[in-house]
Structure formats: C-alpha cells, structure tokens
C-alpha cells in the first residue's frame, strides 16, 4: 500500500475510532477542515507540520522510517 494511502487510511480510522467528525478533528488539531478532508482522501501535501498536528491529536507523529532497500534499486555509493 502506498504511504499516502496508508496515512489517509490511518488518520480516517483513528478519527472515527475516537468518535470525531472531520470538523472536530480539524478544530482540535488546529488545522483546516479542507486539510483533513484532503489528507483522508490521499491528496498530496507538503505540509508535514499540519500532518503532525493532526497525528499528534492521536498520539502519533510522522517521521523517518527505515525501509528494506534490498527489494528496491539500492542507491549506489
């Protein structure tokens, strides 16, 4: 699953699990409703600060995660 799709799915599931509407999640996280809607539908964004504001509401944050490069084309040094 692409990372943006996984992020969208995770945010939507967490929001619903906590019984929040998109409006409430946006308000509590200090971001706009449109941002929440766009994020939940997988729209591209470069506003990682806003992504983290929303994730912080659920006790998470976006950060670097190691990946297994053996299955991909490794960067040659």
PDB file of N, CA and C in Angstrom:
ATOM      1  N   UNK A   1       0.854  -1.174   0.000  1.00  0.00           N
ATOM      2  CA  UNK A   1       0.000   0.000   0.000  1.00  0.00           C
ATOM      3  C   UNK A   1       0.899   1.237   0.000  1.00  0.00           C
ATOM      4  N   UNK A   2       0.656   2.164  -0.907  1.00  0.00           N
ATOM      5  CA  UNK A   2       1.457   3.393  -0.932  1.00  0.00           C
ATOM      6  C   UNK A   2       1.357   4.139   0.398  1.00  0.00           C
ATOM      7  N   UNK A   3       2.430   4.830   0.769  1.00  0.00           N
ATOM      8  CA  UNK A   3       2.486   5.529   2.056  1.00  0.00           C
ATOM      9  C   UNK A   3       1.360   6.542   2.215  1.00  0.00           C
ATOM     10  N   UNK A   4       1.050   7.301   1.136  1.00  0.00           N
ATOM     11  CA  UNK A   4      -0.002   8.315   1.279  1.00  0.00           C
ATOM     12  C   UNK A   4      -1.357   7.668   1.512  1.00  0.00           C
ATOM     13  N   UNK A   5      -1.594   6.506   0.898  1.00  0.00           N
ATOM     14  CA  UNK A   5      -2.851   5.793   1.106  1.00  0.00           C
ATOM     15  C   UNK A   5      -2.921   5.255   2.525  1.00  0.00           C
ATOM     16  N   UNK A   6      -1.816   4.730   3.029  1.00  0.00           N
ATOM     17  CA  UNK A   6      -1.756   4.212   4.396  1.00  0.00           C
ATOM     18  C   UNK A   6      -1.986   5.335   5.397  1.00  0.00           C
ATOM     19  N   UNK A   7      -1.380   6.485   5.165  1.00  0.00           N
ATOM     20  CA  UNK A   7      -1.571   7.628   6.051  1.00  0.00           C
ATOM     21  C   UNK A   7      -3.028   8.072   6.043  1.00  0.00           C
ATOM     22  N   UNK A   8      -3.615   8.178   4.874  1.00  0.00           N
ATOM     23  CA  UNK A   8      -5.017   8.585   4.755  1.00  0.00           C
ATOM     24  C   UNK A   8      -5.923   7.617   5.507  1.00  0.00           C
ATOM     25  N   UNK A   9      -5.693   6.335   5.305  1.00  0.00           N
ATOM     26  CA  UNK A   9      -6.499   5.304   5.958  1.00  0.00           C
ATOM     27  C   UNK A   9      -6.319   5.355   7.475  1.00  0.00           C
ATOM     28  N   UNK A  10      -5.088   5.513   7.927  1.00  0.00           N
ATOM     29  CA  UNK A  10      -4.803   5.553   9.362  1.00  0.00           C
ATOM     30  C   UNK A  10      -5.479   6.737  10.031  1.00  0.00           C
ATOM     31  N   UNK A  11      -5.356   7.914   9.438  1.00  0.00           N
ATOM     32  CA  UNK A  11      -5.967   9.112  10.020  1.00  0.00           C
ATOM     33  C   UNK A  11      -7.483   8.961  10.089  1.00  0.00           C
ATOM     34  N   UNK A  12      -8.082   8.485   9.023  1.00  0.00           N
ATOM     35  CA  UNK A  12      -9.541   8.321   8.997  1.00  0.00           C
ATOM     36  C   UNK A  12      -9.998   7.313  10.049  1.00  0.00           C
ATOM     37  N   UNK A  13      -9.295   6.177  10.142  1.00  0.00           N
ATOM     38  CA  UNK A  13      -9.662   5.155  11.128  1.00  0.00           C
ATOM     39  C   UNK A  13      -9.512   5.675  12.556  1.00  0.00           C
ATOM     40  N   UNK A  14      -8.424   6.381  12.836  1.00  0.00           N
ATOM     41  CA  UNK A  14      -8.214   6.927  14.180  1.00  0.00           C
ATOM     42  C   UNK A  14      -9.272   7.965  14.528  1.00  0.00           C
ATOM     43  N   UNK A  15      -9.585   8.814  13.572  1.00  0.00           N
ATOM     44  CA  UNK A  15     -10.604   9.842  13.817  1.00  0.00           C
ATOM     45  C   UNK A  15     -11.942   9.200  14.166  1.00  0.00           C
ATOM     46  N   UNK A  16     -12.324   8.202  13.389  1.00  0.00           N
ATOM     47  CA  UNK A  16     -13.606   7.530  13.632  1.00  0.00           C
ATOM     48  C   UNK A  16     -13.589   6.747  14.946  1.00  0.00           C
ATOM     49  N   UNK A  17     -12.458   6.096  15.234  1.00  0.00           N
ATOM     50  CA  UNK A  17     -12.331   5.322  16.469  1.00  0.00           C
ATOM     51  C   UNK A  17     -12.501   6.219  17.695  1.00  0.00           C
ATOM     52  N   UNK A  18     -12.066   7.466  17.577  1.00  0.00           N
ATOM     53  CA  UNK A  18     -12.198   8.415  18.679  1.00  0.00           C
ATOM     54  C   UNK A  18     -13.531   9.164  18.644  1.00  0.00           C
ATOM     55  N   UNK A  19     -14.384   8.804  17.703  1.00  0.00           N
ATOM     56  CA  UNK A  19     -15.711   9.398  17.627  1.00  0.00           C
ATOM     57  C   UNK A  19     -15.724  10.856  17.212  1.00  0.00           C
ATOM     58  N   UNK A  20     -14.754  11.241  16.393  1.00  0.00           N
ATOM     59  CA  UNK A  20     -14.660  12.635  15.961  1.00  0.00           C
ATOM     60  C   UNK A  20     -15.135  12.802  14.527  1.00  0.00           C
ATOM     61  N   UNK A  21     -15.780  13.917  14.269  1.00  0.00           N
ATOM     62  CA  UNK A  21     -16.087  14.289  12.895  1.00  0.00           C
ATOM     63  C   UNK A  21     -14.834  14.929  12.305  1.00  0.00           C
ATOM     64  N   UNK A  22     -14.836  15.123  11.005  1.00  0.00           N
ATOM     65  CA  UNK A  22     -13.712  15.819  10.385  1.00  0.00           C
ATOM     66  C   UNK A  22     -13.608  17.245  10.926  1.00  0.00           C
ATOM     67  N   UNK A  23     -14.734  17.870  11.150  1.00  0.00           N
ATOM     68  CA  UNK A  23     -14.757  19.239  11.683  1.00  0.00           C
ATOM     69  C   UNK A  23     -14.112  19.278  13.069  1.00  0.00           C
ATOM     70  N   UNK A  24     -14.491  18.330  13.928  1.00  0.00           N
ATOM     71  CA  UNK A  24     -13.926  18.294  15.277  1.00  0.00           C
ATOM     72  C   UNK A  24     -12.424  18.022  15.251  1.00  0.00           C
ATOM     73  N   UNK A  25     -12.008  17.066  14.439  1.00  0.00           N
ATOM     74  CA  UNK A  25     -10.583  16.729  14.350  1.00  0.00           C
ATOM     75  C   UNK A  25      -9.783  17.940  13.881  1.00  0.00           C
ATOM     76  N   UNK A  26     -10.298  18.638  12.888  1.00  0.00           N
ATOM     77  CA  UNK A  26      -9.620  19.835  12.380  1.00  0.00           C
ATOM     78  C   UNK A  26      -9.505  20.890  13.471  1.00  0.00           C
ATOM     79  N   UNK A  27     -10.599  21.108  14.188  1.00  0.00           N
ATOM     80  CA  UNK A  27     -10.614  22.119  15.249  1.00  0.00           C
ATOM     81  C   UNK A  27      -9.631  21.763  16.366  1.00  0.00           C
ATOM     82  N   UNK A  28      -9.675  20.534  16.846  1.00  0.00           N
ATOM     83  CA  UNK A  28      -8.803  20.113  17.947  1.00  0.00           C
ATOM     84  C   UNK A  28      -7.333  20.118  17.544  1.00  0.00           C
ATOM     85  N   UNK A  29      -7.046  19.807  16.285  1.00  0.00           N
ATOM     86  CA  UNK A  29      -5.659  19.753  15.813  1.00  0.00           C
ATOM     87  C   UNK A  29      -5.145  21.122  15.366  1.00  0.00           C
ATOM     88  N   UNK A  30      -6.049  22.083  15.226  1.00  0.00           N
ATOM     89  CA  UNK A  30      -5.638  23.417  14.797  1.00  0.00           C
ATOM     90  C   UNK A  30      -5.312  23.503  13.315  1.00  0.00           C
ATOM     91  N   UNK A  31      -5.995  22.683  12.525  1.00  0.00           N
ATOM     92  CA  UNK A  31      -5.811  22.708  11.069  1.00  0.00           C
ATOM     93  C   UNK A  31      -7.171  22.952  10.430  1.00  0.00           C
ATOM     94  N   UNK A  32      -7.180  23.220   9.147  1.00  0.00           N
ATOM     95  CA  UNK A  32      -8.434  23.480   8.455  1.00  0.00           C
ATOM     96  C   UNK A  32      -9.181  22.202   8.091  1.00  0.00           C
ATOM     97  N   UNK A  33     -10.488  22.329   7.973  1.00  0.00           N
ATOM     98  CA  UNK A  33     -11.322  21.202   7.574  1.00  0.00           C
ATOM     99  C   UNK A  33     -10.896  20.665   6.219  1.00  0.00           C
ATOM    100  N   UNK A  34     -10.604  21.560   5.299  1.00  0.00           N
ATOM    101  CA  UNK A  34     -10.188  21.132   3.962  1.00  0.00           C
ATOM    102  C   UNK A  34      -8.927  20.268   4.027  1.00  0.00           C
ATOM    103  N   UNK A  35      -7.996  20.625   4.926  1.00  0.00           N
ATOM    104  CA  UNK A  35      -6.776  19.837   5.079  1.00  0.00           C
ATOM    105  C   UNK A  35      -7.107  18.414   5.519  1.00  0.00           C
ATOM    106  N   UNK A  36      -7.993  18.273   6.503  1.00  0.00           N
ATOM    107  CA  UNK A  36      -8.382  16.939   6.984  1.00  0.00           C
ATOM    108  C   UNK A  36      -9.026  16.151   5.850  1.00  0.00           C
ATOM    109  N   UNK A  37      -9.937  16.775   5.137  1.00  0.00           N
ATOM    110  CA  UNK A  37     -10.599  16.092   4.016  1.00  0.00           C
ATOM    111  C   UNK A  37      -9.589  15.659   2.958  1.00  0.00           C
ATOM    112  N   UNK A  38      -8.699  16.563   2.592  1.00  0.00           N
ATOM    113  CA  UNK A  38      -7.689  16.246   1.580  1.00  0.00           C
ATOM    114  C   UNK A  38      -6.774  15.119   2.047  1.00  0.00           C
ATOM    115  N   UNK A  39      -6.358  15.166   3.298  1.00  0.00           N
ATOM    116  CA  UNK A  39      -5.469  14.135   3.826  1.00  0.00           C
ATOM    117  C   UNK A  39      -6.155  12.774   3.829  1.00  0.00           C
ATOM    118  N   UNK A  40      -7.407  12.737   4.250  1.00  0.00           N
ATOM    119  CA  UNK A  40      -8.138  11.470   4.316  1.00  0.00           C
ATOM    120  C   UNK A  40      -8.446  10.889   2.940  1.00  0.00           C
ATOM    121  N   UNK A  41      -8.401  11.700   1.915  1.00  0.00           N
ATOM    122  CA  UNK A  41      -8.630  11.179   0.563  1.00  0.00           C
ATOM    123  C   UNK A  41      -7.325  10.929  -0.179  1.00  0.00           C
ATOM    124  N   UNK A  42      -6.201  11.125   0.515  1.00  0.00           N
ATOM    125  CA  UNK A  42      -4.906  10.805  -0.076  1.00  0.00           C
ATOM    126  C   UNK A  42      -4.315  11.879  -0.961  1.00  0.00           C
ATOM    127  N   UNK A  43      -4.854  13.087  -0.884  1.00  0.00           N
ATOM    128  CA  UNK A  43      -4.296  14.176  -1.685  1.00  0.00           C
ATOM    129  C   UNK A  43      -2.884  14.497  -1.204  1.00  0.00           C
ATOM    130  N   UNK A  44      -2.011  14.767  -2.144  1.00  0.00           N
ATOM    131  CA  UNK A  44      -0.622  15.080  -1.805  1.00  0.00           C
ATOM    132  C   UNK A  44      -0.546  16.387  -1.032  1.00  0.00           C
ATOM    133  N   UNK A  45       0.374  16.417  -0.076  1.00  0.00           N
ATOM    134  CA  UNK A  45       0.611  17.634   0.688  1.00  0.00           C
ATOM    135  C   UNK A  45       2.083  17.713   1.066  1.00  0.00           C
ATOM    136  N   UNK A  46       2.593  18.909   1.162  1.00  0.00           N
ATOM    137  CA  UNK A  46       3.953  19.115   1.634  1.00  0.00           C
ATOM    138  C   UNK A  46       3.947  19.729   3.027  1.00  0.00           C
ATOM    139  N   UNK A  47       2.799  19.835   3.625  1.00  0.00           N
ATOM    140  CA  UNK A  47       2.670  20.461   4.939  1.00  0.00           C
ATOM    141  C   UNK A  47       2.781  19.418   6.045  1.00  0.00           C
ATOM    142  N   UNK A  48       3.999  18.930   6.257  1.00  0.00           N
ATOM    143  CA  UNK A  48       4.217  17.914   7.279  1.00  0.00           C
ATOM    144  C   UNK A  48       3.913  18.450   8.672  1.00  0.00           C
ATOM    145  N   UNK A  49       4.063  19.758   8.869  1.00  0.00           N
ATOM    146  CA  UNK A  49       3.718  20.327  10.162  1.00  0.00           C
ATOM    147  C   UNK A  49       2.233  20.134  10.452  1.00  0.00           C
ATOM    148  N   UNK A  50       1.407  20.311   9.435  1.00  0.00           N
ATOM    149  CA  UNK A  50      -0.031  20.109   9.616  1.00  0.00           C
ATOM    150  C   UNK A  50      -0.365  18.631   9.776  1.00  0.00           C
ATOM    151  N   UNK A  51       0.320  17.776   9.018  1.00  0.00           N
ATOM    152  CA  UNK A  51       0.109  16.331   9.169  1.00  0.00           C
ATOM    153  C   UNK A  51       0.416  15.942  10.610  1.00  0.00           C
ATOM    154  N   UNK A  52       1.535  16.416  11.134  1.00  0.00           N
ATOM    155  CA  UNK A  52       1.908  16.077  12.506  1.00  0.00           C
ATOM    156  C   UNK A  52       0.967  16.697  13.534  1.00  0.00           C
ATOM    157  N   UNK A  53       0.413  17.858  13.258  1.00  0.00           N
ATOM    158  CA  UNK A  53      -0.574  18.447  14.171  1.00  0.00           C
ATOM    159  C   UNK A  53      -1.785  17.539  14.296  1.00  0.00           C
ATOM    160  N   UNK A  54      -2.225  17.001  13.183  1.00  0.00           N
ATOM    161  CA  UNK A  54      -3.376  16.107  13.200  1.00  0.00           C
ATOM    162  C   UNK A  54      -3.021  14.774  13.849  1.00  0.00           C
ATOM    163  N   UNK A  55      -1.865  14.215  13.509  1.00  0.00           N
ATOM    164  CA  UNK A  55      -1.449  12.943  14.099  1.00  0.00           C
ATOM    165  C   UNK A  55      -1.223  13.072  15.603  1.00  0.00           C
ATOM    166  N   UNK A  56      -0.727  14.224  16.051  1.00  0.00           N
ATOM    167  CA  UNK A  56      -0.480  14.459  17.470  1.00  0.00           C
ATOM    168  C   UNK A  56      -1.762  14.310  18.283  1.00  0.00           C
ATOM    169  N   UNK A  57      -2.874  14.660  17.688  1.00  0.00           N
ATOM    170  CA  UNK A  57      -4.173  14.514  18.336  1.00  0.00           C
ATOM    171  C   UNK A  57      -4.406  13.073  18.772  1.00  0.00           C
ATOM    172  N   UNK A  58      -3.814  12.115  18.041  1.00  0.00           N
ATOM    173  CA  UNK A  58      -3.982  10.692  18.320  1.00  0.00           C
ATOM    174  C   UNK A  58      -2.719  10.063  18.910  1.00  0.00           C
ATOM    175  N   UNK A  59      -1.784  10.901  19.360  1.00  0.00           N
ATOM    176  CA  UNK A  59      -0.574  10.403  19.995  1.00  0.00           C
ATOM    177  C   UNK A  59       0.469   9.861  19.036  1.00  0.00           C
ATOM    178  N   UNK A  60       0.461  10.330  17.804  1.00  0.00           N
ATOM    179  CA  UNK A  60       1.407   9.870  16.788  1.00  0.00           C
ATOM    180  C   UNK A  60       2.117  11.051  16.147  1.00  0.00           C
ATOM    181  N   UNK A  61       3.191  10.758  15.421  1.00  0.00           N
ATOM    182  CA  UNK A  61       3.827  11.766  14.583  1.00  0.00           C
ATOM    183  C   UNK A  61       4.476  11.070  13.408  1.00  0.00           C
ATOM    184  N   UNK A  62       4.589  11.796  12.326  1.00  0.00           N
ATOM    185  CA  UNK A  62       5.206  11.281  11.115  1.00  0.00           C
ATOM    186  C   UNK A  62       6.698  11.526  11.199  1.00  0.00           C
ATOM    187  N   UNK A  63       7.471  10.522  10.867  1.00  0.00           N
ATOM    188  CA  UNK A  63       8.918  10.660  10.917  1.00  0.00           C
ATOM    189  C   UNK A  63       9.573   9.662   9.988  1.00  0.00           C
ATOM    190  N   UNK A  64      10.890   9.700   9.901  1.00  0.00           N
ATOM    191  CA  UNK A  64      11.604   8.774   9.031  1.00  0.00           C
ATOM    192  C   UNK A  64      11.490   7.340   9.541  1.00  0.00           C
ATOM    193  N   UNK A  65      11.267   6.449   8.614  1.00  0.00           N
ATOM    194  CA  UNK A  65      11.149   5.028   8.928  1.00  0.00           C
ATOM    195  C   UNK A  65      12.100   4.270   8.014  1.00  0.00           C
ATOM    196  N   UNK A  66      12.943   3.391   8.572  1.00  0.00           N
ATOM    197  CA  UNK A  66      13.842   2.626   7.717  1.00  0.00           C
ATOM    198  C   UNK A  66      13.056   1.725   6.763  1.00  0.00           C
ATOM    199  N   UNK A  67      13.553   1.588   5.561  1.00  0.00           N
ATOM    200  CA  UNK A  67      12.928   0.694   4.585  1.00  0.00           C
ATOM    201  C   UNK A  67      13.945  -0.338   4.140  1.00  0.00           C
ATOM    202  N   UNK A  68      13.455  -1.472   3.695  1.00  0.00           N
ATOM    203  CA  UNK A  68      14.316  -2.529   3.187  1.00  0.00           C
ATOM    204  C   UNK A  68      14.631  -2.219   1.736  1.00  0.00           C
ATOM    205  N   UNK A  69      15.821  -1.777   1.472  1.00  0.00           N
ATOM    206  CA  UNK A  69      16.228  -1.390   0.122  1.00  0.00           C
ATOM    207  C   UNK A  69      16.596  -2.588  -0.743  1.00  0.00           C
ATOM    208  N   UNK A  70      16.690  -3.761  -0.177  1.00  0.00           N
ATOM    209  CA  UNK A  70      17.098  -4.931  -0.951  1.00  0.00           C
ATOM    210  C   UNK A  70      16.100  -5.250  -2.054  1.00  0.00           C
ATOM    211  N   UNK A  71      14.832  -4.956  -1.807  1.00  0.00           N
ATOM    212  CA  UNK A  71      13.813  -5.238  -2.813  1.00  0.00           C
ATOM    213  C   UNK A  71      13.702  -4.116  -3.846  1.00  0.00           C
ATOM    214  N   UNK A  72      14.227  -2.961  -3.532  1.00  0.00           N
ATOM    215  CA  UNK A  72      14.209  -1.825  -4.453  1.00  0.00           C
ATOM    216  C   UNK A  72      15.597  -1.680  -5.069  1.00  0.00           C
ATOM    217  N   UNK A  73      15.733  -0.765  -5.972  1.00  0.00           N
ATOM    218  CA  UNK A  73      17.060  -0.455  -6.508  1.00  0.00           C
ATOM    219  C   UNK A  73      17.822   0.328  -5.455  1.00  0.00           C
ATOM    220  N   UNK A  74      18.876  -0.277  -4.927  1.00  0.00           N
ATOM    221  CA  UNK A  74      19.653   0.386  -3.886  1.00  0.00           C
ATOM    222  C   UNK A  74      20.430   1.562  -4.465  1.00  0.00           C
ATOM    223  N   UNK A  75      20.604   2.552  -3.644  1.00  0.00           N
ATOM    224  CA  UNK A  75      21.407   3.699  -4.053  1.00  0.00           C
ATOM    225  C   UNK A  75      22.862   3.265  -4.033  1.00  0.00           C
ATOM    226  N   UNK A  76      23.504   3.420  -5.147  1.00  0.00           N
ATOM    227  CA  UNK A  76      24.913   3.029  -5.255  1.00  0.00           C
ATOM    228  C   UNK A  76      25.779   4.124  -4.665  1.00  0.00           C
ATOM    229  N   UNK A  77      26.777   3.736  -3.907  1.00  0.00           N
ATOM    230  CA  UNK A  77      27.702   4.715  -3.319  1.00  0.00           C
ATOM    231  C   UNK A  77      28.988   4.735  -4.084  1.00  0.00           C
TER     232      UNK A  77
END
